[in-house]
Amino acid sequence: MILIILFVTVLIIISYPIVGYKIYKAFRKNDKLKLYKLTTFLIILILVPGFFWKILPGSDFFWGPVEKVQERNYNEELTGFKFNDGEKIYEYETERAFNGDGYSIWVYKIDNSTANYFKKPNREFFIKYPKTELRNHWKSELWKKTPFDKKEQKFLDFAHTELDKLDFELEDLLSEEGNYYSYEYLTHDFNNGTIFIGNIDFYIICPERKIIVKINHNT
């Protein structure tokens, strides 16, 4: 999918000077019909990608509500409970390679009703989730109560980063009673039998602190 988007983007960028040159030729020949058609096509080439890439002024008025619905649905796939992330209180993202390799971590506030739900979530939370459509080909580790099981340390190590602008670290959240953690991951298996974690989505929910942590690390 990423390669398709990259290909379409390059194709559109290349088309700008080509269409511009054809407009210039039509103008020189005073071919008004062709000039009109090419100008209309160029405007579409500018407006449509600008709308979908959210760089066109006003496009956020459409995409904002759409993204909120997507976020709510994703959180339901993640936990079985529909909610929107609140204020973003921490973010760190590296540059992404063309194939999506890179690291991201986000820490969001959750509202009171969401926090209260996770103080005593229903039984399905622990036996069915996460089951995100986006990662349906990855392995999934169901939600567990903290403290963190040290047998899973290699997964935390792969997902870990320092929270240098906050007054807590991931280890603090995972050692506190009353929190929850889960992760989805993909391994790289080599011919010699060696297995490495290649990709991971790691999540932590803290009802008392009213935060949710979302981490993605792809290699």
Protein backbone atom coordinates (compact mmCIF):
# COMPACT_ATOMS: atom_id res chain seq x y z
CA MET A 1 0.00 0.00 0.00
CA ILE A 2 2.80 2.41 0.88
CA LEU A 3 4.53 1.68 -2.43
CA ILE A 4 1.29 2.35 -4.32
CA ILE A 5 0.84 5.71 -2.57
CA LEU A 6 4.49 6.58 -3.27
CA PHE A 7 4.10 5.62 -6.95
CA VAL A 8 0.91 7.70 -7.35
CA THR A 9 2.57 10.66 -5.61
CA VAL A 10 5.58 10.55 -7.96
CA LEU A 11 3.26 10.18 -10.95
CA ILE A 12 1.26 13.25 -9.96
CA ILE A 13 4.39 15.34 -9.33
CA ILE A 14 5.81 14.37 -12.73
CA SER A 15 2.52 15.26 -14.44
CA TYR A 16 2.60 18.91 -13.27
CA PRO A 17 5.36 20.15 -15.62
CA ILE A 18 4.02 18.00 -18.48
CA VAL A 19 0.53 19.47 -18.20
CA GLY A 20 2.02 22.93 -17.68
CA TYR A 21 4.03 22.60 -20.89
CA LYS A 22 0.95 21.48 -22.83
CA ILE A 23 -0.98 24.46 -21.46
CA TYR A 24 1.81 26.74 -22.68
CA LYS A 25 1.67 25.17 -26.17
CA ALA A 26 -2.13 25.49 -26.31
CA PHE A 27 -1.84 29.14 -25.27
CA ARG A 28 0.74 29.82 -28.00
CA LYS A 29 -1.53 28.20 -30.62
CA ASN A 30 -4.59 30.00 -29.23
CA ASP A 31 -6.36 26.65 -28.92
CA LYS A 32 -8.99 27.77 -26.40
CA LEU A 33 -10.81 24.44 -26.10
CA LYS A 34 -7.60 22.52 -25.38
CA LEU A 35 -6.43 25.29 -23.06
CA TYR A 36 -9.68 25.07 -21.10
CA LYS A 37 -9.50 21.27 -20.79
CA LEU A 38 -5.84 21.25 -19.74
CA THR A 39 -6.33 24.08 -17.23
CA THR A 40 -9.30 22.24 -15.70
CA PHE A 41 -7.23 19.05 -15.50
CA LEU A 42 -4.36 20.91 -13.81
CA ILE A 43 -6.72 22.42 -11.23
CA ILE A 44 -8.07 18.93 -10.47
CA LEU A 45 -4.50 17.60 -10.16
CA ILE A 46 -3.81 20.29 -7.58
CA LEU A 47 -7.07 20.22 -5.62
CA VAL A 48 -7.77 16.48 -5.33
CA PRO A 49 -4.32 15.42 -3.97
CA GLY A 50 -4.30 18.52 -1.76
CA PHE A 51 -7.63 17.42 -0.29
CA PHE A 52 -6.57 13.83 0.34
CA TRP A 53 -3.12 14.83 1.65
CA LYS A 54 -4.81 17.41 3.92
CA ILE A 55 -2.71 20.33 2.66
CA LEU A 56 -5.62 22.08 0.98
CA PRO A 57 -7.07 24.83 3.23
CA GLY A 58 -10.34 23.65 4.72
CA SER A 59 -9.72 19.93 4.14
CA ASP A 60 -9.45 19.38 7.91
CA PHE A 61 -13.14 20.28 8.27
CA PHE A 62 -13.90 17.06 6.39
CA TRP A 63 -11.08 14.81 7.58
CA GLY A 64 -11.25 15.82 11.27
CA PRO A 65 -14.60 14.09 11.99
CA VAL A 66 -13.64 11.14 9.76
CA GLU A 67 -10.41 10.62 11.72
CA LYS A 68 -12.32 10.78 15.01
CA VAL A 69 -14.64 7.99 13.85
CA GLN A 70 -11.66 5.93 12.68
CA GLU A 71 -9.89 6.51 16.00
CA ARG A 72 -12.98 5.47 17.95
CA ASN A 73 -13.42 2.31 15.89
CA TYR A 74 -9.73 1.43 16.22
CA ASN A 75 -9.88 1.80 20.00
CA GLU A 76 -12.87 -0.53 20.02
CA GLU A 77 -10.86 -3.12 18.05
CA LEU A 78 -8.06 -2.59 20.53
CA THR A 79 -10.06 -2.90 23.75
CA GLY A 80 -13.69 -3.77 23.03
CA PHE A 81 -14.74 -0.33 24.31
CA LYS A 82 -15.45 2.65 22.03
CA PHE A 83 -13.64 5.84 23.02
CA ASN A 84 -11.65 8.67 21.52
CA ASP A 85 -8.15 9.60 22.57
CA GLY A 86 -8.03 12.89 24.40
CA GLU A 87 -5.30 15.49 24.57
CA LYS A 88 -1.92 14.32 23.32
CA ILE A 89 0.55 14.89 26.16
CA TYR A 90 3.61 13.24 24.60
CA GLU A 91 4.78 12.34 21.12
CA TYR A 92 8.03 11.10 19.65
CA GLU A 93 8.38 9.94 16.06
CA THR A 94 11.40 9.10 13.98
CA GLU A 95 11.53 9.56 10.22
CA ARG A 96 9.85 6.65 8.45
CA ALA A 97 11.54 4.69 5.65
CA PHE A 98 9.62 4.12 2.42
CA ASN A 99 8.45 0.74 3.74
CA GLY A 100 7.24 2.18 7.06
CA ASP A 101 10.25 1.27 9.21
CA GLY A 102 10.67 3.60 12.16
CA TYR A 103 9.54 4.31 15.73
CA SER A 104 6.59 6.23 17.18
CA ILE A 105 5.16 6.67 20.66
CA TRP A 106 2.10 8.67 21.68
CA VAL A 107 0.67 9.29 25.15
CA TYR A 108 -2.94 10.52 25.29
CA LYS A 109 -5.28 11.57 28.04
CA ILE A 110 -8.52 9.60 28.37
CA ASP A 111 -11.74 11.06 29.75
CA ASN A 112 -13.34 10.18 33.08
CA SER A 113 -15.92 7.74 31.71
CA THR A 114 -13.23 5.84 29.78
CA ALA A 115 -10.93 5.77 32.81
CA ASN A 116 -13.78 4.52 35.02
CA TYR A 117 -14.60 1.74 32.56
CA PHE A 118 -11.02 0.47 32.57
CA LYS A 119 -10.92 0.41 36.35
CA LYS A 120 -13.16 -2.65 36.02
CA PRO A 121 -13.35 -3.72 32.35
CA ASN A 122 -15.57 -6.60 31.28
CA ARG A 123 -14.24 -10.13 30.91
CA GLU A 124 -13.98 -9.96 27.10
CA PHE A 125 -11.28 -7.29 27.44
CA PHE A 126 -8.90 -9.98 28.73
CA ILE A 127 -9.89 -12.88 26.43
CA LYS A 128 -10.63 -11.27 23.03
CA TYR A 129 -8.58 -8.10 22.63
CA PRO A 130 -6.69 -6.68 20.90
CA LYS A 131 -8.00 -7.93 17.57
CA THR A 132 -7.23 -5.06 15.22
CA GLU A 133 -7.96 -5.54 11.54
CA LEU A 134 -4.79 -3.65 10.69
CA ARG A 135 -2.66 -6.33 12.39
CA ASN A 136 -4.71 -9.44 11.69
CA HIS A 137 -1.61 -11.19 10.29
CA TRP A 138 0.44 -10.41 13.43
CA LYS A 139 0.55 -12.38 16.68
CA SER A 140 -1.45 -10.86 19.51
CA GLU A 141 -0.84 -10.86 23.25
CA LEU A 142 -4.11 -10.27 25.11
CA TRP A 143 -4.56 -7.56 27.71
CA LYS A 144 -3.04 -8.32 31.12
CA LYS A 145 -2.97 -6.62 34.45
CA THR A 146 0.23 -5.06 35.70
CA PRO A 147 2.81 -5.60 37.11
CA PHE A 148 4.62 -6.53 33.91
CA ASP A 149 5.74 -10.13 33.47
CA LYS A 150 9.54 -10.12 33.16
CA LYS A 151 9.32 -13.16 30.87
CA GLU A 152 8.09 -10.72 28.24
CA GLN A 153 11.03 -8.35 28.68
CA LYS A 154 12.27 -8.76 25.09
CA PHE A 155 9.00 -7.29 23.79
CA LEU A 156 9.24 -4.30 26.11
CA ASP A 157 12.89 -3.79 25.19
CA PHE A 158 11.94 -3.66 21.51
CA ALA A 159 9.13 -1.17 22.22
CA HIS A 160 11.02 0.90 24.81
CA THR A 161 12.02 4.54 24.71
CA GLU A 162 12.83 7.19 27.30
CA LEU A 163 9.95 9.58 28.12
CA ASP A 164 12.28 12.53 28.60
CA LYS A 165 9.56 15.20 28.90
CA LEU A 166 7.32 13.38 31.38
CA ASP A 167 7.70 12.63 35.08
CA PHE A 168 7.37 8.86 34.57
CA GLU A 169 8.82 6.10 32.39
CA LEU A 170 7.22 3.07 30.78
CA GLU A 171 8.65 0.88 33.55
CA ASP A 172 6.81 3.00 36.14
CA LEU A 173 3.49 2.44 34.38
CA LEU A 174 4.13 -1.28 34.02
CA SER A 175 5.06 -1.74 37.67
CA GLU A 176 2.02 0.10 39.08
CA GLU A 177 -1.00 -1.91 40.20
CA GLY A 178 -4.24 -1.30 38.31
CA ASN A 179 -2.82 -0.72 34.82
CA TYR A 180 -2.99 -2.95 31.74
CA TYR A 181 -0.69 -3.78 28.86
CA SER A 182 -0.94 -5.61 25.57
CA TYR A 183 0.94 -5.91 22.30
CA GLU A 184 0.74 -7.17 18.74
CA TYR A 185 3.94 -8.24 17.03
CA LEU A 186 5.52 -9.79 13.97
CA THR A 187 8.69 -11.88 14.05
CA HIS A 188 11.39 -12.35 11.42
CA ASP A 189 12.37 -16.04 11.20
CA PHE A 190 15.75 -16.90 9.67
CA ASN A 191 16.94 -20.15 8.08
CA ASN A 192 19.27 -20.93 10.99
CA GLY A 193 16.32 -21.01 13.38
CA THR A 194 16.96 -17.55 14.82
CA ILE A 195 13.83 -15.51 15.52
CA PHE A 196 13.84 -11.74 15.95
CA ILE A 197 11.01 -9.36 16.76
CA GLY A 198 10.63 -7.24 13.65
CA ASN A 199 7.51 -5.14 14.34
CA ILE A 200 5.48 -4.37 17.42
CA ASP A 201 2.50 -2.32 18.56
CA PHE A 202 2.67 -1.98 22.36
CA TYR A 203 -0.13 -0.50 24.48
CA ILE A 204 -0.53 0.57 28.10
CA ILE A 205 -3.72 1.81 29.76
CA CYS A 206 -3.56 3.60 33.12
CA PRO A 207 -7.03 4.32 34.55
CA GLU A 208 -5.78 6.21 37.62
CA ARG A 209 -3.44 8.44 35.60
CA LYS A 210 -6.12 8.66 32.87
CA ILE A 211 -3.71 7.97 30.03
CA ILE A 212 -3.22 5.51 27.20
CA VAL A 213 0.18 4.81 25.63
CA LYS A 214 0.48 3.64 22.01
CA ILE A 215 3.81 2.53 20.57
CA ASN A 216 4.75 1.34 17.10
CA HIS A 217 8.20 0.05 16.16
CA ASN A 218 8.84 -1.41 12.69
CA THR A 219 12.16 -2.69 11.35
